[in-house]
mmCIF file of all heavy atoms, coordinates in Angstrom:
data_MODEL
# 
_entry.id   MODEL 
# 
loop_
_atom_site.group_PDB 
_atom_site.id 
_atom_site.type_symbol 
_atom_site.label_atom_id 
_atom_site.label_alt_id 
_atom_site.label_comp_id 
_atom_site.label_asym_id 
_atom_site.label_entity_id 
_atom_site.label_seq_id 
_atom_site.pdbx_PDB_ins_code 
_atom_site.Cartn_x 
_atom_site.Cartn_y 
_atom_site.Cartn_z 
_atom_site.occupancy 
_atom_site.B_iso_or_equiv 
_atom_site.pdbx_formal_charge 
_atom_site.auth_seq_id 
_atom_site.auth_comp_id 
_atom_site.auth_asym_id 
_atom_site.auth_atom_id 
_atom_site.pdbx_PDB_model_num 
ATOM 1   N N   . ALA A 1 1  ? -9.612  147.955 51.792 1.00 0.00 ? 1  ALA A N   1 
ATOM 2   C CA  . ALA A 1 1  ? -8.433  147.788 52.667 1.00 0.00 ? 1  ALA A CA  1 
ATOM 3   C C   . ALA A 1 1  ? -8.787  147.712 54.054 1.00 0.00 ? 1  ALA A C   1 
ATOM 4   O O   . ALA A 1 1  ? -8.305  146.876 54.832 1.00 0.00 ? 1  ALA A O   1 
ATOM 5   C CB  . ALA A 1 1  ? -7.530  149.029 52.476 1.00 0.00 ? 1  ALA A CB  1 
ATOM 6   N N   . ASP A 1 2  ? -9.802  148.472 54.513 1.00 0.00 ? 2  ASP A N   1 
ATOM 7   C CA  . ASP A 1 2  ? -10.311 148.451 55.949 1.00 0.00 ? 2  ASP A CA  1 
ATOM 8   C C   . ASP A 1 2  ? -10.915 147.075 56.245 1.00 0.00 ? 2  ASP A C   1 
ATOM 9   O O   . ASP A 1 2  ? -10.528 146.499 57.224 1.00 0.00 ? 2  ASP A O   1 
ATOM 10  C CB  . ASP A 1 2  ? -11.416 149.444 56.184 1.00 0.00 ? 2  ASP A CB  1 
ATOM 11  C CG  . ASP A 1 2  ? -10.891 150.920 55.886 1.00 0.00 ? 2  ASP A CG  1 
ATOM 12  O OD1 . ASP A 1 2  ? -9.700  151.138 55.829 1.00 0.00 ? 2  ASP A OD1 1 
ATOM 13  O OD2 . ASP A 1 2  ? -11.781 151.764 55.740 1.00 0.00 ? 2  ASP A OD2 1 
ATOM 14  N N   . LYS A 1 3  ? -11.710 146.589 55.374 1.00 0.00 ? 3  LYS A N   1 
ATOM 15  C CA  . LYS A 1 3  ? -12.387 145.279 55.624 1.00 0.00 ? 3  LYS A CA  1 
ATOM 16  C C   . LYS A 1 3  ? -11.395 144.158 55.602 1.00 0.00 ? 3  LYS A C   1 
ATOM 17  O O   . LYS A 1 3  ? -11.545 143.234 56.384 1.00 0.00 ? 3  LYS A O   1 
ATOM 18  C CB  . LYS A 1 3  ? -13.499 145.137 54.628 1.00 0.00 ? 3  LYS A CB  1 
ATOM 19  C CG  . LYS A 1 3  ? -14.720 146.073 54.899 1.00 0.00 ? 3  LYS A CG  1 
ATOM 20  C CD  . LYS A 1 3  ? -15.728 146.036 53.802 1.00 0.00 ? 3  LYS A CD  1 
ATOM 21  C CE  . LYS A 1 3  ? -16.826 146.992 53.993 1.00 0.00 ? 3  LYS A CE  1 
ATOM 22  N NZ  . LYS A 1 3  ? -16.578 148.290 54.632 1.00 0.00 ? 3  LYS A NZ  1 
ATOM 23  N N   . LEU A 1 4  ? -10.393 144.236 54.746 1.00 0.00 ? 4  LEU A N   1 
ATOM 24  C CA  . LEU A 1 4  ? -9.340  143.156 54.678 1.00 0.00 ? 4  LEU A CA  1 
ATOM 25  C C   . LEU A 1 4  ? -8.569  143.140 55.935 1.00 0.00 ? 4  LEU A C   1 
ATOM 26  O O   . LEU A 1 4  ? -8.350  142.105 56.478 1.00 0.00 ? 4  LEU A O   1 
ATOM 27  C CB  . LEU A 1 4  ? -8.348  143.400 53.500 1.00 0.00 ? 4  LEU A CB  1 
ATOM 28  C CG  . LEU A 1 4  ? -8.885  143.043 52.111 1.00 0.00 ? 4  LEU A CG  1 
ATOM 29  C CD1 . LEU A 1 4  ? -7.962  143.531 51.058 1.00 0.00 ? 4  LEU A CD1 1 
ATOM 30  C CD2 . LEU A 1 4  ? -9.109  141.536 52.001 1.00 0.00 ? 4  LEU A CD2 1 
ATOM 31  N N   . MET A 1 5  ? -8.118  144.323 56.447 1.00 0.00 ? 5  MET A N   1 
ATOM 32  C CA  . MET A 1 5  ? -7.366  144.342 57.670 1.00 0.00 ? 5  MET A CA  1 
ATOM 33  C C   . MET A 1 5  ? -8.215  143.779 58.854 1.00 0.00 ? 5  MET A C   1 
ATOM 34  O O   . MET A 1 5  ? -7.674  142.951 59.634 1.00 0.00 ? 5  MET A O   1 
ATOM 35  C CB  . MET A 1 5  ? -6.997  145.793 58.015 1.00 0.00 ? 5  MET A CB  1 
ATOM 36  C CG  . MET A 1 5  ? -5.747  146.278 57.270 1.00 0.00 ? 5  MET A CG  1 
ATOM 37  S SD  . MET A 1 5  ? -4.235  145.454 57.564 1.00 0.00 ? 5  MET A SD  1 
ATOM 38  C CE  . MET A 1 5  ? -3.932  145.690 59.270 1.00 0.00 ? 5  MET A CE  1 
ATOM 39  N N   . VAL A 1 6  ? -9.426  144.166 58.954 1.00 0.00 ? 6  VAL A N   1 
ATOM 40  C CA  . VAL A 1 6  ? -10.230 143.704 60.094 1.00 0.00 ? 6  VAL A CA  1 
ATOM 41  C C   . VAL A 1 6  ? -10.523 142.171 59.972 1.00 0.00 ? 6  VAL A C   1 
ATOM 42  O O   . VAL A 1 6  ? -10.414 141.428 60.883 1.00 0.00 ? 6  VAL A O   1 
ATOM 43  C CB  . VAL A 1 6  ? -11.557 144.479 60.182 1.00 0.00 ? 6  VAL A CB  1 
ATOM 44  C CG1 . VAL A 1 6  ? -12.527 143.872 61.156 1.00 0.00 ? 6  VAL A CG1 1 
ATOM 45  C CG2 . VAL A 1 6  ? -11.216 145.953 60.647 1.00 0.00 ? 6  VAL A CG2 1 
ATOM 46  N N   . ALA A 1 7  ? -10.843 141.773 58.780 1.00 0.00 ? 7  ALA A N   1 
ATOM 47  C CA  . ALA A 1 7  ? -11.123 140.372 58.559 1.00 0.00 ? 7  ALA A CA  1 
ATOM 48  C C   . ALA A 1 7  ? -9.886  139.439 58.783 1.00 0.00 ? 7  ALA A C   1 
ATOM 49  O O   . ALA A 1 7  ? -10.056 138.438 59.463 1.00 0.00 ? 7  ALA A O   1 
ATOM 50  C CB  . ALA A 1 7  ? -11.668 140.073 57.138 1.00 0.00 ? 7  ALA A CB  1 
ATOM 51  N N   . VAL A 1 8  ? -8.761  139.906 58.358 1.00 0.00 ? 8  VAL A N   1 
ATOM 52  C CA  . VAL A 1 8  ? -7.548  139.141 58.587 1.00 0.00 ? 8  VAL A CA  1 
ATOM 53  C C   . VAL A 1 8  ? -7.223  139.057 60.154 1.00 0.00 ? 8  VAL A C   1 
ATOM 54  O O   . VAL A 1 8  ? -6.951  138.015 60.632 1.00 0.00 ? 8  VAL A O   1 
ATOM 55  C CB  . VAL A 1 8  ? -6.365  139.768 57.823 1.00 0.00 ? 8  VAL A CB  1 
ATOM 56  C CG1 . VAL A 1 8  ? -5.030  139.162 58.316 1.00 0.00 ? 8  VAL A CG1 1 
ATOM 57  C CG2 . VAL A 1 8  ? -6.509  139.504 56.332 1.00 0.00 ? 8  VAL A CG2 1 
ATOM 58  N N   . ALA A 1 9  ? -7.389  140.197 60.768 1.00 0.00 ? 9  ALA A N   1 
ATOM 59  C CA  . ALA A 1 9  ? -7.137  140.223 62.250 1.00 0.00 ? 9  ALA A CA  1 
ATOM 60  C C   . ALA A 1 9  ? -8.165  139.281 62.985 1.00 0.00 ? 9  ALA A C   1 
ATOM 61  O O   . ALA A 1 9  ? -7.749  138.503 63.854 1.00 0.00 ? 9  ALA A O   1 
ATOM 62  C CB  . ALA A 1 9  ? -7.310  141.596 62.773 1.00 0.00 ? 9  ALA A CB  1 
ATOM 63  N N   . LEU A 1 10 ? -9.371  139.338 62.607 1.00 0.00 ? 10 LEU A N   1 
ATOM 64  C CA  . LEU A 1 10 ? -10.393 138.461 63.205 1.00 0.00 ? 10 LEU A CA  1 
ATOM 65  C C   . LEU A 1 10 ? -10.137 136.969 62.957 1.00 0.00 ? 10 LEU A C   1 
ATOM 66  O O   . LEU A 1 10 ? -10.231 136.132 63.876 1.00 0.00 ? 10 LEU A O   1 
ATOM 67  C CB  . LEU A 1 10 ? -11.787 138.811 62.745 1.00 0.00 ? 10 LEU A CB  1 
ATOM 68  C CG  . LEU A 1 10 ? -12.337 140.173 63.291 1.00 0.00 ? 10 LEU A CG  1 
ATOM 69  C CD1 . LEU A 1 10 ? -13.582 140.533 62.589 1.00 0.00 ? 10 LEU A CD1 1 
ATOM 70  C CD2 . LEU A 1 10 ? -12.603 140.008 64.800 1.00 0.00 ? 10 LEU A CD2 1 
ATOM 71  N N   . VAL A 1 11 ? -9.713  136.645 61.723 1.00 0.00 ? 11 VAL A N   1 
ATOM 72  C CA  . VAL A 1 11 ? -9.459  135.251 61.428 1.00 0.00 ? 11 VAL A CA  1 
ATOM 73  C C   . VAL A 1 11 ? -8.213  134.733 62.245 1.00 0.00 ? 11 VAL A C   1 
ATOM 74  O O   . VAL A 1 11 ? -8.227  133.669 62.779 1.00 0.00 ? 11 VAL A O   1 
ATOM 75  C CB  . VAL A 1 11 ? -9.201  135.053 59.904 1.00 0.00 ? 11 VAL A CB  1 
ATOM 76  C CG1 . VAL A 1 11 ? -8.609  133.717 59.524 1.00 0.00 ? 11 VAL A CG1 1 
ATOM 77  C CG2 . VAL A 1 11 ? -10.491 135.238 59.146 1.00 0.00 ? 11 VAL A CG2 1 
ATOM 78  N N   . LEU A 1 12 ? -7.181  135.573 62.363 1.00 0.00 ? 12 LEU A N   1 
ATOM 79  C CA  . LEU A 1 12 ? -6.011  135.166 63.125 1.00 0.00 ? 12 LEU A CA  1 
ATOM 80  C C   . LEU A 1 12 ? -6.400  134.988 64.571 1.00 0.00 ? 12 LEU A C   1 
ATOM 81  O O   . LEU A 1 12 ? -5.971  134.009 65.180 1.00 0.00 ? 12 LEU A O   1 
ATOM 82  C CB  . LEU A 1 12 ? -4.978  136.297 63.074 1.00 0.00 ? 12 LEU A CB  1 
ATOM 83  C CG  . LEU A 1 12 ? -4.232  136.497 61.710 1.00 0.00 ? 12 LEU A CG  1 
ATOM 84  C CD1 . LEU A 1 12 ? -3.308  137.688 61.787 1.00 0.00 ? 12 LEU A CD1 1 
ATOM 85  C CD2 . LEU A 1 12 ? -3.489  135.205 61.327 1.00 0.00 ? 12 LEU A CD2 1 
ATOM 86  N N   . LEU A 1 13 ? -7.263  135.854 65.128 1.00 0.00 ? 13 LEU A N   1 
ATOM 87  C CA  . LEU A 1 13 ? -7.651  135.756 66.517 1.00 0.00 ? 13 LEU A CA  1 
ATOM 88  C C   . LEU A 1 13 ? -8.544  134.565 66.754 1.00 0.00 ? 13 LEU A C   1 
ATOM 89  O O   . LEU A 1 13 ? -8.411  133.878 67.750 1.00 0.00 ? 13 LEU A O   1 
ATOM 90  C CB  . LEU A 1 13 ? -8.351  137.081 67.013 1.00 0.00 ? 13 LEU A CB  1 
ATOM 91  C CG  . LEU A 1 13 ? -7.397  138.248 67.107 1.00 0.00 ? 13 LEU A CG  1 
ATOM 92  C CD1 . LEU A 1 13 ? -8.189  139.529 67.266 1.00 0.00 ? 13 LEU A CD1 1 
ATOM 93  C CD2 . LEU A 1 13 ? -6.398  138.093 68.255 1.00 0.00 ? 13 LEU A CD2 1 
ATOM 94  N N   . VAL A 1 14 ? -9.453  134.307 65.829 1.00 0.00 ? 14 VAL A N   1 
ATOM 95  C CA  . VAL A 1 14 ? -10.304 133.133 65.977 1.00 0.00 ? 14 VAL A CA  1 
ATOM 96  C C   . VAL A 1 14 ? -9.510  131.834 66.000 1.00 0.00 ? 14 VAL A C   1 
ATOM 97  O O   . VAL A 1 14 ? -9.686  130.955 66.795 1.00 0.00 ? 14 VAL A O   1 
ATOM 98  C CB  . VAL A 1 14 ? -11.374 133.046 64.843 1.00 0.00 ? 14 VAL A CB  1 
ATOM 99  C CG1 . VAL A 1 14 ? -12.029 131.712 64.760 1.00 0.00 ? 14 VAL A CG1 1 
ATOM 100 C CG2 . VAL A 1 14 ? -12.449 134.161 65.064 1.00 0.00 ? 14 VAL A CG2 1 
ATOM 101 N N   . GLN A 1 15 ? -8.493  131.771 65.122 1.00 0.00 ? 15 GLN A N   1 
ATOM 102 C CA  . GLN A 1 15 ? -7.631  130.598 65.024 1.00 0.00 ? 15 GLN A CA  1 
ATOM 103 C C   . GLN A 1 15 ? -6.818  130.470 66.312 1.00 0.00 ? 15 GLN A C   1 
ATOM 104 O O   . GLN A 1 15 ? -6.722  129.325 66.895 1.00 0.00 ? 15 GLN A O   1 
ATOM 105 C CB  . GLN A 1 15 ? -6.708  130.702 63.767 1.00 0.00 ? 15 GLN A CB  1 
ATOM 106 C CG  . GLN A 1 15 ? -5.814  129.548 63.557 1.00 0.00 ? 15 GLN A CG  1 
ATOM 107 C CD  . GLN A 1 15 ? -4.487  129.629 64.240 1.00 0.00 ? 15 GLN A CD  1 
ATOM 108 O OE1 . GLN A 1 15 ? -3.935  130.739 64.333 1.00 0.00 ? 15 GLN A OE1 1 
ATOM 109 N NE2 . GLN A 1 15 ? -3.993  128.522 64.704 1.00 0.00 ? 15 GLN A NE2 1 
ATOM 110 N N   . SER A 1 16 ? -6.251  131.550 66.764 1.00 0.00 ? 16 SER A N   1 
ATOM 111 C CA  . SER A 1 16 ? -5.358  131.381 67.952 1.00 0.00 ? 16 SER A CA  1 
ATOM 112 C C   . SER A 1 16 ? -6.062  131.333 69.308 1.00 0.00 ? 16 SER A C   1 
ATOM 113 O O   . SER A 1 16 ? -5.651  130.563 70.189 1.00 0.00 ? 16 SER A O   1 
ATOM 114 C CB  . SER A 1 16 ? -4.288  132.457 67.961 1.00 0.00 ? 16 SER A CB  1 
ATOM 115 O OG  . SER A 1 16 ? -4.928  133.774 68.104 1.00 0.00 ? 16 SER A OG  1 
ATOM 116 N N   . HIS A 1 17 ? -7.187  132.062 69.430 1.00 0.00 ? 17 HIS A N   1 
ATOM 117 C CA  . HIS A 1 17 ? -7.871  132.039 70.687 1.00 0.00 ? 17 HIS A CA  1 
ATOM 118 C C   . HIS A 1 17 ? -8.878  130.940 70.786 1.00 0.00 ? 17 HIS A C   1 
ATOM 119 O O   . HIS A 1 17 ? -9.102  130.389 71.862 1.00 0.00 ? 17 HIS A O   1 
ATOM 120 C CB  . HIS A 1 17 ? -8.611  133.393 70.902 1.00 0.00 ? 17 HIS A CB  1 
ATOM 121 C CG  . HIS A 1 17 ? -7.642  134.496 71.285 1.00 0.00 ? 17 HIS A CG  1 
ATOM 122 N ND1 . HIS A 1 17 ? -7.629  135.042 72.539 1.00 0.00 ? 17 HIS A ND1 1 
ATOM 123 C CD2 . HIS A 1 17 ? -6.730  135.174 70.585 1.00 0.00 ? 17 HIS A CD2 1 
ATOM 124 C CE1 . HIS A 1 17 ? -6.661  135.965 72.578 1.00 0.00 ? 17 HIS A CE1 1 
ATOM 125 N NE2 . HIS A 1 17 ? -6.138  136.050 71.411 1.00 0.00 ? 17 HIS A NE2 1 
ATOM 126 N N   . ALA A 1 18 ? -9.494  130.601 69.688 1.00 0.00 ? 18 ALA A N   1 
ATOM 127 C CA  . ALA A 1 18 ? -10.415 129.386 69.567 1.00 0.00 ? 18 ALA A CA  1 
ATOM 128 C C   . ALA A 1 18 ? -11.415 129.351 70.744 1.00 0.00 ? 18 ALA A C   1 
ATOM 129 O O   . ALA A 1 18 ? -11.470 128.361 71.450 1.00 0.00 ? 18 ALA A O   1 
ATOM 130 C CB  . ALA A 1 18 ? -9.587  128.145 69.420 1.00 0.00 ? 18 ALA A CB  1 
ATOM 131 N N   . ASN A 1 19 ? -12.158 130.427 70.941 1.00 0.00 ? 19 ASN A N   1 
ATOM 132 C CA  . ASN A 1 19 ? -13.217 130.404 71.998 1.00 0.00 ? 19 ASN A CA  1 
ATOM 133 C C   . ASN A 1 19 ? -14.442 131.183 71.468 1.00 0.00 ? 19 ASN A C   1 
ATOM 134 O O   . ASN A 1 19 ? -14.331 131.945 70.535 1.00 0.00 ? 19 ASN A O   1 
ATOM 135 C CB  . ASN A 1 19 ? -12.683 130.898 73.320 1.00 0.00 ? 19 ASN A CB  1 
ATOM 136 C CG  . ASN A 1 19 ? -12.312 132.340 73.311 1.00 0.00 ? 19 ASN A CG  1 
ATOM 137 O OD1 . ASN A 1 19 ? -13.086 133.206 72.891 1.00 0.00 ? 19 ASN A OD1 1 
ATOM 138 N ND2 . ASN A 1 19 ? -11.106 132.673 73.747 1.00 0.00 ? 19 ASN A ND2 1 
ATOM 139 N N   . PHE A 1 20 ? -15.490 131.032 72.170 1.00 0.00 ? 20 PHE A N   1 
ATOM 140 C CA  . PHE A 1 20 ? -16.747 131.710 71.903 1.00 0.00 ? 20 PHE A CA  1 
ATOM 141 C C   . PHE A 1 20 ? -16.652 133.215 71.863 1.00 0.00 ? 20 PHE A C   1 
ATOM 142 O O   . PHE A 1 20 ? -17.223 133.896 71.060 1.00 0.00 ? 20 PHE A O   1 
ATOM 143 C CB  . PHE A 1 20 ? -17.848 131.256 72.854 1.00 0.00 ? 20 PHE A CB  1 
ATOM 144 C CG  . PHE A 1 20 ? -19.141 132.034 72.699 1.00 0.00 ? 20 PHE A CG  1 
ATOM 145 C CD1 . PHE A 1 20 ? -20.096 131.679 71.741 1.00 0.00 ? 20 PHE A CD1 1 
ATOM 146 C CD2 . PHE A 1 20 ? -19.435 133.107 73.542 1.00 0.00 ? 20 PHE A CD2 1 
ATOM 147 C CE1 . PHE A 1 20 ? -21.226 132.364 71.608 1.00 0.00 ? 20 PHE A CE1 1 
ATOM 148 C CE2 . PHE A 1 20 ? -20.619 133.770 73.394 1.00 0.00 ? 20 PHE A CE2 1 
ATOM 149 C CZ  . PHE A 1 20 ? -21.516 133.413 72.440 1.00 0.00 ? 20 PHE A CZ  1 
ATOM 150 N N   . TRP A 1 21 ? -15.901 133.769 72.836 1.00 0.00 ? 21 TRP A N   1 
ATOM 151 C CA  . TRP A 1 21 ? -15.815 135.197 73.092 1.00 0.00 ? 21 TRP A CA  1 
ATOM 152 C C   . TRP A 1 21 ? -15.097 135.925 71.952 1.00 0.00 ? 21 TRP A C   1 
ATOM 153 O O   . TRP A 1 21 ? -15.231 137.146 71.855 1.00 0.00 ? 21 TRP A O   1 
ATOM 154 C CB  . TRP A 1 21 ? -15.117 135.435 74.448 1.00 0.00 ? 21 TRP A CB  1 
ATOM 155 C CG  . TRP A 1 21 ? -15.853 134.768 75.511 1.00 0.00 ? 21 TRP A CG  1 
ATOM 156 C CD1 . TRP A 1 21 ? -15.463 133.617 76.174 1.00 0.00 ? 21 TRP A CD1 1 
ATOM 157 C CD2 . TRP A 1 21 ? -17.150 135.064 76.002 1.00 0.00 ? 21 TRP A CD2 1 
ATOM 158 N NE1 . TRP A 1 21 ? -16.426 133.260 77.062 1.00 0.00 ? 21 TRP A NE1 1 
ATOM 159 C CE2 . TRP A 1 21 ? -17.484 134.076 76.999 1.00 0.00 ? 21 TRP A CE2 1 
ATOM 160 C CE3 . TRP A 1 21 ? -18.101 136.049 75.706 1.00 0.00 ? 21 TRP A CE3 1 
ATOM 161 C CZ2 . TRP A 1 21 ? -18.647 134.082 77.676 1.00 0.00 ? 21 TRP A CZ2 1 
ATOM 162 C CZ3 . TRP A 1 21 ? -19.336 136.045 76.440 1.00 0.00 ? 21 TRP A CZ3 1 
ATOM 163 C CH2 . TRP A 1 21 ? -19.585 135.060 77.368 1.00 0.00 ? 21 TRP A CH2 1 
ATOM 164 N N   . VAL A 1 22 ? -14.335 135.216 71.145 1.00 0.00 ? 22 VAL A N   1 
ATOM 165 C CA  . VAL A 1 22 ? -13.743 135.799 69.968 1.00 0.00 ? 22 VAL A CA  1 
ATOM 166 C C   . VAL A 1 22 ? -14.491 135.376 68.709 1.00 0.00 ? 22 VAL A C   1 
ATOM 167 O O   . VAL A 1 22 ? -14.749 136.141 67.826 1.00 0.00 ? 22 VAL A O   1 
ATOM 168 C CB  . VAL A 1 22 ? -12.262 135.422 69.898 1.00 0.00 ? 22 VAL A CB  1 
ATOM 169 C CG1 . VAL A 1 22 ? -11.571 135.893 68.555 1.00 0.00 ? 22 VAL A CG1 1 
ATOM 170 C CG2 . VAL A 1 22 ? -11.431 135.995 71.041 1.00 0.00 ? 22 VAL A CG2 1 
ATOM 171 N N   . THR A 1 23 ? -14.860 134.102 68.631 1.00 0.00 ? 23 THR A N   1 
ATOM 172 C CA  . THR A 1 23 ? -15.556 133.543 67.440 1.00 0.00 ? 23 THR A CA  1 
ATOM 173 C C   . THR A 1 23 ? -16.876 134.192 67.155 1.00 0.00 ? 23 THR A C   1 
ATOM 174 O O   . THR A 1 23 ? -17.108 134.592 66.051 1.00 0.00 ? 23 THR A O   1 
ATOM 175 C CB  . THR A 1 23 ? -15.645 132.028 67.547 1.00 0.00 ? 23 THR A CB  1 
ATOM 176 O OG1 . THR A 1 23 ? -14.354 131.491 67.750 1.00 0.00 ? 23 THR A OG1 1 
ATOM 177 C CG2 . THR A 1 23 ? -16.206 131.442 66.271 1.00 0.00 ? 23 THR A CG2 1 
ATOM 178 N N   . ALA A 1 24 ? -17.768 134.264 68.163 1.00 0.00 ? 24 ALA A N   1 
ATOM 179 C CA  . ALA A 1 24 ? -19.078 134.812 67.947 1.00 0.00 ? 24 ALA A CA  1 
ATOM 180 C C   . ALA A 1 24 ? -19.011 136.310 67.485 1.00 0.00 ? 24 ALA A C   1 
ATOM 181 O O   . ALA A 1 24 ? -19.663 136.626 66.433 1.00 0.00 ? 24 ALA A O   1 
ATOM 182 C CB  . ALA A 1 24 ? -19.937 134.707 69.206 1.00 0.00 ? 24 ALA A CB  1 
ATOM 183 N N   . PRO A 1 25 ? -18.244 137.168 68.103 1.00 0.00 ? 25 PRO A N   1 
ATOM 184 C CA  . PRO A 1 25 ? -18.151 138.510 67.587 1.00 0.00 ? 25 PRO A CA  1 
ATOM 185 C C   . PRO A 1 25 ? -17.580 138.603 66.184 1.00 0.00 ? 25 PRO A C   1 
ATOM 186 O O   . PRO A 1 25 ? -17.996 139.399 65.394 1.00 0.00 ? 25 PRO A O   1 
ATOM 187 C CB  . PRO A 1 25 ? -17.316 139.274 68.587 1.00 0.00 ? 25 PRO A CB  1 
ATOM 188 C CG  . PRO A 1 25 ? -17.373 138.481 69.794 1.00 0.00 ? 25 PRO A CG  1 
ATOM 189 C CD  . PRO A 1 25 ? -17.618 137.058 69.404 1.00 0.00 ? 25 PRO A CD  1 
ATOM 190 N N   . ALA A 1 26 ? -16.564 137.734 65.920 1.00 0.00 ? 26 ALA A N   1 
ATOM 191 C CA  . ALA A 1 26 ? -15.927 137.663 64.575 1.00 0.00 ? 26 ALA A CA  1 
ATOM 192 C C   . ALA A 1 26 ? -16.987 137.384 63.494 1.00 0.00 ? 26 ALA A C   1 
ATOM 193 O O   . ALA A 1 26 ? -17.015 138.009 62.397 1.00 0.00 ? 26 ALA A O   1 
ATOM 194 C CB  . ALA A 1 26 ? -14.806 136.704 64.546 1.00 0.00 ? 26 ALA A CB  1 
# 
């Protein structure tokens, strides 16, 4: 459950922010 929540949040942020500062850490 923890990993699903974090992965979903990261995918949403990578899609919407679409920049290195979010994508690389994700």
